[in-house]
Amino acid sequence: MVRRNTGLAACAQIGKQALRPSVRAAHARPLSSKPEGRANSLKPRLTAPEKRTTRSPMARQKEWLIAPKTQICIKFTWGRSVSDSENVTGLKGAWKTKFEILEKAGADDGLDAYFKRKSKLRFREQFKISFNIWALVFGPFYYFYKKMCLKGAFLTGVVFSIDAVLVLIERISEINFPATTHAIPAAVLFYSMANYDYYRFCVKQERFWNGLPKIFSTKVGAIGFPCVAFSALMLVSVLSFGYDVPKCDASETVSLLTDILDIQESDQGGADHEGTSSYAFRDITTISTDDQTGFHTCGAHFYNTDAGGSNKDELFASYTVRITGDGTRFYINVFDIR
């Protein structure tokens, strides 16, 4: 009997050892494998109840990385590099590369550090973070699409202000800048700053630049500044500086053209022919008008009648009508008679 009891005890002991791995495995199971009622009792109470679903660790990590305010950017953890793959899960391949270069260029430390370190990068890296084709094409609309509305509105106001100054210089100095001159400021501002601003918006949650007056970061400033700058541009564009450019067929234009033709005839035939002819004009046309300055390029058919009443050959004159720099007088430049 003793031996039999010893054998039974030995079998029971072996059975316990054999069952231990299965017990440990049961304790290692996730909560989702437990009965539903018990699992729900173990869940912590949440302030905002939501529907729970089983997700992979990567899916939960992506959800945590999404910025709660913007819902479009990644919220990076403190003390980790932007180049870590787990911190750029929500970025596409091109943006991930740009963010890595921007971090290397010192975008985390502000504009001053960014421009200093950026110049030390290779040309290819500088091009990647400095050029944004979509910002070049769409300008402020790209900023609005990326939710950087305050910065987009401010840059729009800056562009309008620069254009107003350029138009004012054109009107005063009678210098016509090429059309590309007015487009260059917008192109440089938007395409060169878009990548940096988007990085700061995502990583630092920066809505506006530090160091500028806070009025521009408010709704009043964001709406008012572009509107005021655009109004100034329109005012300068239509400003005539006290004198309108006469039309090609205006009486004062024809009178001044006649005086010029008299002077030219006297130069060719001597003082005896000065003022001895009268001119008849027909088919006076405006060939072109400068949109910026309002200057006209004109053409007119004319013939002159001498003192005896006989008509000479019909000629064609090409001339321009402009105003002086002070805007108080106009003048005509006859550049072709045939």
C-alpha atoms as a PDB file:
ATOM      1  CA  MET A   1       0.000   0.000   0.000  1.00  0.00           C
ATOM      2  CA  VAL A   2       2.777   2.396   0.717  1.00  0.00           C
ATOM      3  CA  ARG A   3       4.395   1.736  -2.602  1.00  0.00           C
ATOM      4  CA  ARG A   4       1.039   2.169  -4.351  1.00  0.00           C
ATOM      5  CA  ASN A   5       0.443   5.473  -2.640  1.00  0.00           C
ATOM      6  CA  THR A   6       3.932   6.596  -3.522  1.00  0.00           C
ATOM      7  CA  GLY A   7       3.281   5.721  -7.158  1.00  0.00           C
ATOM      8  CA  LEU A   8       0.050   7.714  -7.192  1.00  0.00           C
ATOM      9  CA  ALA A   9       1.704  10.692  -5.609  1.00  0.00           C
ATOM     10  CA  ALA A  10       4.448  10.530  -8.208  1.00  0.00           C
ATOM     11  CA  CYS A  11       1.881  10.442 -10.990  1.00  0.00           C
ATOM     12  CA  ALA A  12       0.069  13.411  -9.517  1.00  0.00           C
ATOM     13  CA  GLN A  13       3.298  15.371  -9.275  1.00  0.00           C
ATOM     14  CA  ILE A  14       4.145  14.604 -12.888  1.00  0.00           C
ATOM     15  CA  GLY A  15       0.667  15.671 -13.910  1.00  0.00           C
ATOM     16  CA  LYS A  16       1.078  19.042 -12.197  1.00  0.00           C
ATOM     17  CA  GLN A  17       4.389  19.661 -13.960  1.00  0.00           C
ATOM     18  CA  ALA A  18       2.855  18.727 -17.275  1.00  0.00           C
ATOM     19  CA  LEU A  19      -0.018  21.131 -16.746  1.00  0.00           C
ATOM     20  CA  ARG A  20       2.123  24.139 -15.773  1.00  0.00           C
ATOM     21  CA  PRO A  21       3.050  25.177 -19.349  1.00  0.00           C
ATOM     22  CA  SER A  22      -0.575  25.210 -20.376  1.00  0.00           C
ATOM     23  CA  VAL A  23      -1.500  27.308 -17.343  1.00  0.00           C
ATOM     24  CA  ARG A  24       1.254  29.800 -18.119  1.00  0.00           C
ATOM     25  CA  ALA A  25       0.150  29.894 -21.740  1.00  0.00           C
ATOM     26  CA  ALA A  26      -3.358  30.700 -20.597  1.00  0.00           C
ATOM     27  CA  HIS A  27      -2.059  33.601 -18.525  1.00  0.00           C
ATOM     28  CA  ALA A  28      -0.042  34.863 -21.528  1.00  0.00           C
ATOM     29  CA  ARG A  29      -3.103  35.112 -23.773  1.00  0.00           C
ATOM     30  CA  PRO A  30      -4.269  38.617 -24.744  1.00  0.00           C
ATOM     31  CA  LEU A  31      -7.394  40.066 -23.186  1.00  0.00           C
ATOM     32  CA  SER A  32      -9.357  39.551 -26.361  1.00  0.00           C
ATOM     33  CA  SER A  33      -9.222  35.757 -25.863  1.00  0.00           C
ATOM     34  CA  LYS A  34     -10.986  36.000 -22.497  1.00  0.00           C
ATOM     35  CA  PRO A  35     -14.728  35.880 -22.202  1.00  0.00           C
ATOM     36  CA  GLU A  36     -16.402  39.079 -23.318  1.00  0.00           C
ATOM     37  CA  GLY A  37     -17.902  39.940 -19.968  1.00  0.00           C
ATOM     38  CA  ARG A  38     -14.662  39.547 -18.081  1.00  0.00           C
ATOM     39  CA  ALA A  39     -12.724  41.491 -20.731  1.00  0.00           C
ATOM     40  CA  ASN A  40     -15.140  44.399 -20.488  1.00  0.00           C
ATOM     41  CA  SER A  41     -14.808  44.438 -16.733  1.00  0.00           C
ATOM     42  CA  LEU A  42     -11.034  44.770 -17.036  1.00  0.00           C
ATOM     43  CA  LYS A  43     -11.132  47.717 -19.448  1.00  0.00           C
ATOM     44  CA  PRO A  44     -10.486  51.139 -17.924  1.00  0.00           C
ATOM     45  CA  ARG A  45     -13.287  53.612 -18.042  1.00  0.00           C
ATOM     46  CA  LEU A  46     -12.831  56.292 -20.699  1.00  0.00           C
ATOM     47  CA  THR A  47     -14.031  59.880 -20.568  1.00  0.00           C
ATOM     48  CA  ALA A  48     -15.380  59.616 -24.129  1.00  0.00           C
ATOM     49  CA  PRO A  49     -16.781  56.109 -24.847  1.00  0.00           C
ATOM     50  CA  GLU A  50     -15.897  54.716 -28.257  1.00  0.00           C
ATOM     51  CA  LYS A  51     -16.292  51.479 -30.130  1.00  0.00           C
ATOM     52  CA  ARG A  52     -13.382  49.135 -29.420  1.00  0.00           C
ATOM     53  CA  THR A  53     -11.952  46.992 -32.190  1.00  0.00           C
ATOM     54  CA  THR A  54      -8.933  44.727 -32.290  1.00  0.00           C
ATOM     55  CA  ARG A  55      -6.072  46.538 -34.023  1.00  0.00           C
ATOM     56  CA  SER A  56      -2.509  45.720 -34.777  1.00  0.00           C
ATOM     57  CA  PRO A  57       0.234  47.521 -32.796  1.00  0.00           C
ATOM     58  CA  MET A  58       1.202  49.462 -35.933  1.00  0.00           C
ATOM     59  CA  ALA A  59      -2.364  50.708 -36.414  1.00  0.00           C
ATOM     60  CA  ARG A  60      -2.556  51.901 -32.813  1.00  0.00           C
ATOM     61  CA  GLN A  61       0.803  53.628 -33.222  1.00  0.00           C
ATOM     62  CA  LYS A  62      -0.380  55.470 -36.348  1.00  0.00           C
ATOM     63  CA  GLU A  63      -3.477  56.658 -34.528  1.00  0.00           C
ATOM     64  CA  TRP A  64      -1.368  58.065 -31.705  1.00  0.00           C
ATOM     65  CA  LEU A  65       0.949  59.826 -34.137  1.00  0.00           C
ATOM     66  CA  ILE A  66      -1.862  61.772 -35.807  1.00  0.00           C
ATOM     67  CA  ALA A  67      -2.017  65.311 -34.466  1.00  0.00           C
ATOM     68  CA  PRO A  68      -5.364  65.797 -32.691  1.00  0.00           C
ATOM     69  CA  LYS A  69      -5.860  69.407 -33.792  1.00  0.00           C
ATOM     70  CA  THR A  70      -5.057  69.217 -37.491  1.00  0.00           C
ATOM     71  CA  GLN A  71      -5.889  65.558 -38.246  1.00  0.00           C
ATOM     72  CA  ILE A  72      -3.454  65.749 -41.177  1.00  0.00           C
ATOM     73  CA  CYS A  73      -0.005  65.957 -39.577  1.00  0.00           C
ATOM     74  CA  ILE A  74       2.164  63.718 -37.475  1.00  0.00           C
ATOM     75  CA  LYS A  75       2.875  64.420 -33.842  1.00  0.00           C
ATOM     76  CA  PHE A  76       6.457  63.391 -33.191  1.00  0.00           C
ATOM     77  CA  THR A  77       7.599  62.179 -29.797  1.00  0.00           C
ATOM     78  CA  TRP A  78      10.054  64.298 -27.836  1.00  0.00           C
ATOM     79  CA  GLY A  79      13.664  63.211 -27.779  1.00  0.00           C
ATOM     80  CA  ARG A  80      13.494  61.085 -30.916  1.00  0.00           C
ATOM     81  CA  SER A  81      14.831  61.806 -34.347  1.00  0.00           C
ATOM     82  CA  VAL A  82      12.482  62.629 -37.203  1.00  0.00           C
ATOM     83  CA  SER A  83      14.339  60.045 -39.252  1.00  0.00           C
ATOM     84  CA  ASP A  84      13.053  57.204 -37.047  1.00  0.00           C
ATOM     85  CA  SER A  85      10.735  55.052 -39.131  1.00  0.00           C
ATOM     86  CA  GLU A  86       8.145  54.780 -36.353  1.00  0.00           C
ATOM     87  CA  ASN A  87       7.846  58.571 -36.173  1.00  0.00           C
ATOM     88  CA  VAL A  88       7.184  59.093 -39.877  1.00  0.00           C
ATOM     89  CA  THR A  89       4.636  56.347 -40.389  1.00  0.00           C
ATOM     90  CA  GLY A  90       2.027  58.782 -41.683  1.00  0.00           C
ATOM     91  CA  LEU A  91       4.336  60.494 -44.214  1.00  0.00           C
ATOM     92  CA  LYS A  92       4.780  59.559 -47.829  1.00  0.00           C
ATOM     93  CA  GLY A  93       8.210  58.667 -49.099  1.00  0.00           C
ATOM     94  CA  ALA A  94       8.976  62.073 -50.631  1.00  0.00           C
ATOM     95  CA  TRP A  95       7.870  63.996 -47.555  1.00  0.00           C
ATOM     96  CA  LYS A  96       9.761  61.643 -45.265  1.00  0.00           C
ATOM     97  CA  THR A  97      12.983  62.421 -47.174  1.00  0.00           C
ATOM     98  CA  LYS A  98      12.276  66.155 -47.064  1.00  0.00           C
ATOM     99  CA  PHE A  99      11.594  66.087 -43.327  1.00  0.00           C
ATOM    100  CA  GLU A 100      14.850  64.263 -42.671  1.00  0.00           C
ATOM    101  CA  ILE A 101      16.804  66.899 -44.626  1.00  0.00           C
ATOM    102  CA  LEU A 102      14.895  69.743 -42.966  1.00  0.00           C
ATOM    103  CA  GLU A 103      15.738  68.370 -39.545  1.00  0.00           C
ATOM    104  CA  LYS A 104      19.364  68.124 -40.633  1.00  0.00           C
ATOM    105  CA  ALA A 105      19.222  71.732 -41.844  1.00  0.00           C
ATOM    106  CA  GLY A 106      18.085  72.987 -38.431  1.00  0.00           C
ATOM    107  CA  ALA A 107      14.418  73.655 -39.169  1.00  0.00           C
ATOM    108  CA  ASP A 108      13.628  72.796 -35.538  1.00  0.00           C
ATOM    109  CA  ASP A 109      15.622  75.818 -34.344  1.00  0.00           C
ATOM    110  CA  GLY A 110      13.930  78.510 -36.439  1.00  0.00           C
ATOM    111  CA  LEU A 111      14.612  80.469 -39.606  1.00  0.00           C
ATOM    112  CA  ASP A 112      18.022  81.847 -38.637  1.00  0.00           C
ATOM    113  CA  ALA A 113      19.505  78.437 -37.912  1.00  0.00           C
ATOM    114  CA  TYR A 114      17.744  76.962 -40.919  1.00  0.00           C
ATOM    115  CA  PHE A 115      19.268  79.397 -43.433  1.00  0.00           C
ATOM    116  CA  LYS A 116      22.725  79.075 -41.876  1.00  0.00           C
ATOM    117  CA  ARG A 117      22.809  75.262 -41.928  1.00  0.00           C
ATOM    118  CA  LYS A 118      20.970  74.986 -45.214  1.00  0.00           C
ATOM    119  CA  SER A 119      23.828  76.653 -47.093  1.00  0.00           C
ATOM    120  CA  LYS A 120      26.165  73.892 -45.888  1.00  0.00           C
ATOM    121  CA  LEU A 121      24.079  71.100 -47.405  1.00  0.00           C
ATOM    122  CA  ARG A 122      24.722  69.541 -50.763  1.00  0.00           C
ATOM    123  CA  PHE A 123      23.052  71.182 -53.753  1.00  0.00           C
ATOM    124  CA  ARG A 124      20.697  68.246 -54.260  1.00  0.00           C
ATOM    125  CA  GLU A 125      19.529  68.395 -50.650  1.00  0.00           C
ATOM    126  CA  GLN A 126      19.090  72.170 -50.839  1.00  0.00           C
ATOM    127  CA  PHE A 127      16.987  71.788 -53.980  1.00  0.00           C
ATOM    128  CA  LYS A 128      14.722  69.165 -52.392  1.00  0.00           C
ATOM    129  CA  ILE A 129      13.805  71.301 -49.395  1.00  0.00           C
ATOM    130  CA  SER A 130      13.771  74.654 -51.213  1.00  0.00           C
ATOM    131  CA  PHE A 131      11.643  73.819 -54.237  1.00  0.00           C
ATOM    132  CA  ASN A 132       7.957  72.921 -54.137  1.00  0.00           C
ATOM    133  CA  ILE A 133       6.316  72.762 -57.555  1.00  0.00           C
ATOM    134  CA  TRP A 134       2.753  72.788 -56.176  1.00  0.00           C
ATOM    135  CA  ALA A 135       3.411  75.900 -54.105  1.00  0.00           C
ATOM    136  CA  LEU A 136       4.923  77.541 -57.208  1.00  0.00           C
ATOM    137  CA  VAL A 137       1.815  76.810 -59.294  1.00  0.00           C
ATOM    138  CA  PHE A 138      -0.939  77.424 -56.748  1.00  0.00           C
ATOM    139  CA  GLY A 139       0.726  79.955 -54.425  1.00  0.00           C
ATOM    140  CA  PRO A 140      -1.481  80.852 -51.442  1.00  0.00           C
ATOM    141  CA  PHE A 141      -4.024  78.165 -52.327  1.00  0.00           C
ATOM    142  CA  TYR A 142      -1.395  75.522 -51.557  1.00  0.00           C
ATOM    143  CA  TYR A 143      -0.941  77.031 -48.084  1.00  0.00           C
ATOM    144  CA  PHE A 144      -4.700  77.046 -47.518  1.00  0.00           C
ATOM    145  CA  TYR A 145      -4.952  73.409 -48.657  1.00  0.00           C
ATOM    146  CA  LYS A 146      -2.242  72.437 -46.163  1.00  0.00           C
ATOM    147  CA  LYS A 147      -4.141  74.277 -43.393  1.00  0.00           C
ATOM    148  CA  MET A 148      -1.432  76.949 -43.041  1.00  0.00           C
ATOM    149  CA  CYS A 149      -3.987  79.705 -43.515  1.00  0.00           C
ATOM    150  CA  LEU A 150      -2.379  82.455 -41.416  1.00  0.00           C
ATOM    151  CA  LYS A 151       0.967  82.173 -43.173  1.00  0.00           C
ATOM    152  CA  GLY A 152      -0.702  81.946 -46.586  1.00  0.00           C
ATOM    153  CA  ALA A 153      -2.745  85.087 -45.954  1.00  0.00           C
ATOM    154  CA  PHE A 154       0.293  87.039 -44.768  1.00  0.00           C
ATOM    155  CA  LEU A 155       2.414  86.033 -47.775  1.00  0.00           C
ATOM    156  CA  THR A 156      -0.450  87.019 -50.076  1.00  0.00           C
ATOM    157  CA  GLY A 157      -0.495  90.485 -48.521  1.00  0.00           C
ATOM    158  CA  VAL A 158       3.283  90.773 -48.941  1.00  0.00           C
ATOM    159  CA  VAL A 159       3.009  89.875 -52.647  1.00  0.00           C
ATOM    160  CA  PHE A 160       0.281  92.490 -53.228  1.00  0.00           C
ATOM    161  CA  SER A 161       2.370  95.114 -51.418  1.00  0.00           C
ATOM    162  CA  ILE A 162       5.449  94.401 -53.545  1.00  0.00           C
ATOM    163  CA  ASP A 163       3.384  94.596 -56.741  1.00  0.00           C
ATOM    164  CA  ALA A 164       1.922  97.944 -55.641  1.00  0.00           C
ATOM    165  CA  VAL A 165       5.433  99.361 -55.129  1.00  0.00           C
ATOM    166  CA  LEU A 166       6.556  98.090 -58.547  1.00  0.00           C
ATOM    167  CA  VAL A 167       3.541  99.629 -60.289  1.00  0.00           C
ATOM    168  CA  LEU A 168       4.125 102.923 -58.476  1.00  0.00           C
ATOM    169  CA  ILE A 169       7.739 102.981 -59.690  1.00  0.00           C
ATOM    170  CA  GLU A 170       6.556 102.299 -63.238  1.00  0.00           C
ATOM    171  CA  ARG A 171       4.062 105.145 -63.186  1.00  0.00           C
ATOM    172  CA  ILE A 172       6.518 107.684 -61.795  1.00  0.00           C
ATOM    173  CA  SER A 173       9.641 106.759 -63.762  1.00  0.00           C
ATOM    174  CA  GLU A 174       7.902 105.700 -67.003  1.00  0.00           C
ATOM    175  CA  ILE A 175       9.819 102.400 -66.867  1.00  0.00           C
ATOM    176  CA  ASN A 176       7.875  99.348 -67.929  1.00  0.00           C
ATOM    177  CA  PHE A 177       8.979  96.231 -66.070  1.00  0.00           C
ATOM    178  CA  PRO A 178       8.468  92.846 -67.769  1.00  0.00           C
ATOM    179  CA  ALA A 179       5.422  90.884 -66.647  1.00  0.00           C
ATOM    180  CA  THR A 180       7.690  88.298 -65.034  1.00  0.00           C
ATOM    181  CA  THR A 181       8.987  90.947 -62.644  1.00  0.00           C
ATOM    182  CA  HIS A 182       5.620  91.030 -60.897  1.00  0.00           C
ATOM    183  CA  ALA A 183       5.460  87.220 -60.691  1.00  0.00           C
ATOM    184  CA  ILE A 184       8.952  86.690 -59.260  1.00  0.00           C
ATOM    185  CA  PRO A 185       8.196  87.814 -55.647  1.00  0.00           C
ATOM    186  CA  ALA A 186       5.231  85.443 -55.358  1.00  0.00           C
ATOM    187  CA  ALA A 187       7.175  82.536 -56.824  1.00  0.00           C
ATOM    188  CA  VAL A 188      10.177  83.031 -54.554  1.00  0.00           C
ATOM    189  CA  LEU A 189       8.137  83.444 -51.388  1.00  0.00           C
ATOM    190  CA  PHE A 190       5.766  80.519 -51.806  1.00  0.00           C
ATOM    191  CA  TYR A 191       7.880  77.811 -53.383  1.00  0.00           C
ATOM    192  CA  SER A 192      10.957  78.457 -51.244  1.00  0.00           C
ATOM    193  CA  MET A 193       9.120  78.608 -47.895  1.00  0.00           C
ATOM    194  CA  ALA A 194       6.428  75.941 -48.355  1.00  0.00           C
ATOM    195  CA  ASN A 195       8.465  72.904 -47.263  1.00  0.00           C
ATOM    196  CA  TYR A 196       9.939  74.648 -44.222  1.00  0.00           C
ATOM    197  CA  ASP A 197       6.567  76.003 -43.123  1.00  0.00           C
ATOM    198  CA  TYR A 198       4.891  72.620 -43.526  1.00  0.00           C
ATOM    199  CA  TYR A 199       7.621  70.989 -41.436  1.00  0.00           C
ATOM    200  CA  ARG A 200       7.185  73.557 -38.673  1.00  0.00           C
ATOM    201  CA  PHE A 201       3.417  73.179 -38.861  1.00  0.00           C
ATOM    202  CA  CYS A 202       3.602  69.395 -38.460  1.00  0.00           C
ATOM    203  CA  VAL A 203       6.458  69.024 -36.008  1.00  0.00           C
ATOM    204  CA  LYS A 204       6.115  72.182 -33.907  1.00  0.00           C
ATOM    205  CA  GLN A 205       2.426  72.895 -34.496  1.00  0.00           C
ATOM    206  CA  GLU A 206       3.520  76.388 -35.593  1.00  0.00           C
ATOM    207  CA  ARG A 207       0.693  78.444 -37.091  1.00  0.00           C
ATOM    208  CA  PHE A 208       2.607  81.711 -37.569  1.00  0.00           C
ATOM    209  CA  TRP A 209       6.195  82.906 -37.467  1.00  0.00           C
ATOM    210  CA  ASN A 210       7.657  84.233 -34.261  1.00  0.00           C
ATOM    211  CA  GLY A 211       8.954  87.795 -34.247  1.00  0.00           C
ATOM    212  CA  LEU A 212       6.221  89.354 -36.416  1.00  0.00           C
ATOM    213  CA  PRO A 213       3.438  91.538 -34.973  1.00  0.00           C
ATOM    214  CA  LYS A 214       0.738  89.393 -33.429  1.00  0.00           C
ATOM    215  CA  ILE A 215      -1.981  91.324 -35.244  1.00  0.00           C
ATOM    216  CA  PHE A 216      -1.159  89.332 -38.394  1.00  0.00           C
ATOM    217  CA  SER A 217      -1.840  86.042 -36.586  1.00  0.00           C
ATOM    218  CA  THR A 218      -5.409  87.072 -35.724  1.00  0.00           C
ATOM    219  CA  LYS A 219      -8.465  86.765 -37.951  1.00  0.00           C
ATOM    220  CA  VAL A 220      -8.626  90.540 -38.369  1.00  0.00           C
ATOM    221  CA  GLY A 221      -5.025  90.751 -39.487  1.00  0.00           C
ATOM    222  CA  ALA A 222      -5.169  87.634 -41.660  1.00  0.00           C
ATOM    223  CA  ILE A 223      -8.140  88.995 -43.609  1.00  0.00           C
ATOM    224  CA  GLY A 224      -7.412  92.718 -43.387  1.00  0.00           C
ATOM    225  CA  PHE A 225      -3.774  92.777 -44.497  1.00  0.00           C
ATOM    226  CA  PRO A 226      -4.293  91.095 -47.911  1.00  0.00           C
ATOM    227  CA  CYS A 227      -7.420  93.184 -48.543  1.00  0.00           C
ATOM    228  CA  VAL A 228      -5.664  96.470 -47.760  1.00  0.00           C
ATOM    229  CA  ALA A 229      -2.631  95.514 -49.867  1.00  0.00           C
ATOM    230  CA  PHE A 230      -4.843  94.525 -52.808  1.00  0.00           C
ATOM    231  CA  SER A 231      -6.790  97.794 -52.543  1.00  0.00           C
ATOM    232  CA  ALA A 232      -3.515  99.732 -52.604  1.00  0.00           C
ATOM    233  CA  LEU A 233      -2.437  97.829 -55.709  1.00  0.00           C
ATOM    234  CA  MET A 234      -5.689  98.629 -57.505  1.00  0.00           C
ATOM    235  CA  LEU A 235      -5.484 102.293 -56.492  1.00  0.00           C
ATOM    236  CA  VAL A 236      -1.947 102.678 -57.797  1.00  0.00           C
ATOM    237  CA  SER A 237      -2.823 100.843 -61.012  1.00  0.00           C
ATOM    238  CA  VAL A 238      -5.646 103.224 -61.946  1.00  0.00           C
ATOM    239  CA  LEU A 239      -3.981 106.371 -60.608  1.00  0.00           C
ATOM    240  CA  SER A 240      -3.366 108.923 -63.394  1.00  0.00           C
ATOM    241  CA  PHE A 241      -1.213 111.370 -61.385  1.00  0.00           C
ATOM    242  CA  GLY A 242      -3.342 114.361 -62.436  1.00  0.00           C
ATOM    243  CA  TYR A 243      -3.316 113.874 -66.220  1.00  0.00           C
ATOM    244  CA  ASP A 244      -4.966 111.378 -68.555  1.00  0.00           C
ATOM    245  CA  VAL A 245      -3.122 110.230 -71.638  1.00  0.00           C
ATOM    246  CA  PRO A 246      -4.934 111.776 -74.644  1.00  0.00           C
ATOM    247  CA  LYS A 247      -6.320 109.444 -77.265  1.00  0.00           C
ATOM    248  CA  CYS A 248      -4.708 109.124 -80.669  1.00  0.00           C
ATOM    249  CA  ASP A 249      -7.516 111.062 -82.383  1.00  0.00           C
ATOM    250  CA  ALA A 250      -8.037 113.685 -79.661  1.00  0.00           C
ATOM    251  CA  SER A 251      -8.006 117.283 -80.856  1.00  0.00           C
ATOM    252  CA  GLU A 252      -5.041 118.209 -78.682  1.00  0.00           C
ATOM    253  CA  THR A 253      -3.119 115.217 -80.018  1.00  0.00           C
ATOM    254  CA  VAL A 254      -3.840 116.122 -83.651  1.00  0.00           C
ATOM    255  CA  SER A 255      -2.917 119.759 -82.990  1.00  0.00           C
ATOM    256  CA  LEU A 256       0.446 118.822 -81.487  1.00  0.00           C
ATOM    257  CA  LEU A 257       1.086 116.367 -84.325  1.00  0.00           C
ATOM    258  CA  THR A 258       0.437 119.143 -86.853  1.00  0.00           C
ATOM    259  CA  ASP A 259       2.983 121.378 -85.127  1.00  0.00           C
ATOM    260  CA  ILE A 260       5.557 118.602 -85.282  1.00  0.00           C
ATOM    261  CA  LEU A 261       4.937 118.072 -88.995  1.00  0.00           C
ATOM    262  CA  ASP A 262       5.315 121.830 -89.611  1.00  0.00           C
ATOM    263  CA  ILE A 263       8.654 121.832 -87.834  1.00  0.00           C
ATOM    264  CA  GLN A 264       9.798 118.840 -89.838  1.00  0.00           C
ATOM    265  CA  GLU A 265       8.752 120.519 -93.137  1.00  0.00           C
ATOM    266  CA  SER A 266      10.611 123.692 -92.242  1.00  0.00           C
ATOM    267  CA  ASP A 267      13.721 121.676 -91.467  1.00  0.00           C
ATOM    268  CA  GLN A 268      13.545 120.094 -94.885  1.00  0.00           C
ATOM    269  CA  GLY A 269      12.467 123.116 -97.012  1.00  0.00           C
ATOM    270  CA  GLY A 270      13.835 126.023 -95.066  1.00  0.00           C
ATOM    271  CA  ALA A 271      12.245 128.815 -93.048  1.00  0.00           C
ATOM    272  CA  ASP A 272      10.205 130.025 -96.068  1.00  0.00           C
ATOM    273  CA  HIS A 273       8.063 126.865 -95.989  1.00  0.00           C
ATOM    274  CA  GLU A 274       7.253 127.066 -92.267  1.00  0.00           C
ATOM    275  CA  GLY A 275       3.532 127.350 -91.685  1.00  0.00           C
ATOM    276  CA  THR A 276       2.677 127.458 -95.407  1.00  0.00           C
ATOM    277  CA  SER A 277       0.914 124.068 -95.466  1.00  0.00           C
ATOM    278  CA  SER A 278      -2.177 122.716 -93.789  1.00  0.00           C
ATOM    279  CA  TYR A 279      -2.695 119.048 -92.954  1.00  0.00           C
ATOM    280  CA  ALA A 280      -5.746 116.837 -93.307  1.00  0.00           C
ATOM    281  CA  PHE A 281      -5.828 113.587 -91.313  1.00  0.00           C
ATOM    282  CA  ARG A 282      -7.935 110.495 -91.836  1.00  0.00           C
ATOM    283  CA  ASP A 283      -8.032 106.919 -90.507  1.00  0.00           C
ATOM    284  CA  ILE A 284      -6.386 107.739 -87.180  1.00  0.00           C
ATOM    285  CA  THR A 285      -6.067 104.413 -85.358  1.00  0.00           C
ATOM    286  CA  THR A 286      -4.753 103.201 -82.020  1.00  0.00           C
ATOM    287  CA  ILE A 287      -2.299 100.409 -82.743  1.00  0.00           C
ATOM    288  CA  SER A 288      -1.683  99.414 -79.104  1.00  0.00           C
ATOM    289  CA  THR A 289      -2.091 100.672 -75.538  1.00  0.00           C
ATOM    290  CA  ASP A 290       0.189  99.846 -72.618  1.00  0.00           C
ATOM    291  CA  ASP A 291      -1.907  98.374 -69.806  1.00  0.00           C
ATOM    292  CA  GLN A 292       0.435  99.627 -67.094  1.00  0.00           C
ATOM    293  CA  THR A 293       1.089 103.193 -68.220  1.00  0.00           C
ATOM    294  CA  GLY A 294      -1.792 103.904 -70.607  1.00  0.00           C
ATOM    295  CA  PHE A 295       0.590 105.090 -73.319  1.00  0.00           C
ATOM    296  CA  HIS A 296      -0.709 104.818 -76.916  1.00  0.00           C
ATOM    297  CA  THR A 297       0.973 103.796 -80.139  1.00  0.00           C
ATOM    298  CA  CYS A 298      -0.890 105.409 -83.032  1.00  0.00           C
ATOM    299  CA  GLY A 299      -0.998 105.569 -86.804  1.00  0.00           C
ATOM    300  CA  ALA A 300      -2.611 108.157 -89.112  1.00  0.00           C
ATOM    301  CA  HIS A 301      -2.909 108.829 -92.822  1.00  0.00           C
ATOM    302  CA  PHE A 302      -2.510 112.487 -93.794  1.00  0.00           C
ATOM    303  CA  TYR A 303      -1.837 114.807 -96.721  1.00  0.00           C
ATOM    304  CA  ASN A 304      -0.950 118.475 -96.769  1.00  0.00           C
ATOM    305  CA  THR A 305      -2.242 121.348 -98.855  1.00  0.00           C
ATOM    306  CA  ASP A 306       0.098 124.167 -99.811  1.00  0.00           C
ATOM    307  CA  ALA A 307      -0.738 127.854-100.041  1.00  0.00           C
ATOM    308  CA  GLY A 308      -1.940 127.469-103.655  1.00  0.00           C
ATOM    309  CA  GLY A 309      -4.515 124.866-102.603  1.00  0.00           C
ATOM    310  CA  SER A 310      -2.899 121.920-104.332  1.00  0.00           C
ATOM    311  CA  ASN A 311      -2.704 118.578-102.515  1.00  0.00           C
ATOM    312  CA  LYS A 312       0.541 116.687-102.121  1.00  0.00           C
ATOM    313  CA  ASP A 313       1.084 112.937-101.772  1.00  0.00           C
ATOM    314  CA  GLU A 314      -0.676 111.103 -98.979  1.00  0.00           C
ATOM    315  CA  LEU A 315       1.644 109.873 -96.202  1.00  0.00           C
ATOM    316  CA  PHE A 316       1.378 107.648 -93.135  1.00  0.00           C
ATOM    317  CA  ALA A 317       2.741 108.693 -89.733  1.00  0.00           C
ATOM    318  CA  SER A 318       3.443 106.425 -86.769  1.00  0.00           C
ATOM    319  CA  TYR A 319       3.695 108.067 -83.350  1.00  0.00           C
ATOM    320  CA  THR A 320       3.315 107.506 -79.622  1.00  0.00           C
ATOM    321  CA  VAL A 321       1.393 109.563 -77.091  1.00  0.00           C
ATOM    322  CA  ARG A 322       2.820 109.659 -73.550  1.00  0.00           C
ATOM    323  CA  ILE A 323       2.702 111.773 -70.412  1.00  0.00           C
ATOM    324  CA  THR A 324       5.693 113.318 -68.694  1.00  0.00           C
ATOM    325  CA  GLY A 325       7.152 111.988 -65.472  1.00  0.00           C
ATOM    326  CA  ASP A 326       5.416 114.618 -63.302  1.00  0.00           C
ATOM    327  CA  GLY A 327       2.076 113.760 -64.912  1.00  0.00           C
ATOM    328  CA  THR A 328       1.268 117.382 -65.898  1.00  0.00           C
ATOM    329  CA  ARG A 329       1.875 117.276 -69.680  1.00  0.00           C
ATOM    330  CA  PHE A 330       1.819 114.912 -72.592  1.00  0.00           C
ATOM    331  CA  TYR A 331       4.123 114.623 -75.589  1.00  0.00           C
ATOM    332  CA  ILE A 332       4.209 112.935 -78.985  1.00  0.00           C
ATOM    333  CA  ASN A 333       7.081 111.054 -80.497  1.00  0.00           C
ATOM    334  CA  VAL A 334       6.863 110.659 -84.291  1.00  0.00           C
ATOM    335  CA  PHE A 335       9.133 107.767 -85.210  1.00  0.00           C
ATOM    336  CA  ASP A 336       8.103 106.987 -88.807  1.00  0.00           C
ATOM    337  CA  ILE A 337       6.690 108.884 -91.809  1.00  0.00           C
ATOM    338  CA  ARG A 338       6.379 107.161 -95.149  1.00  0.00           C
END
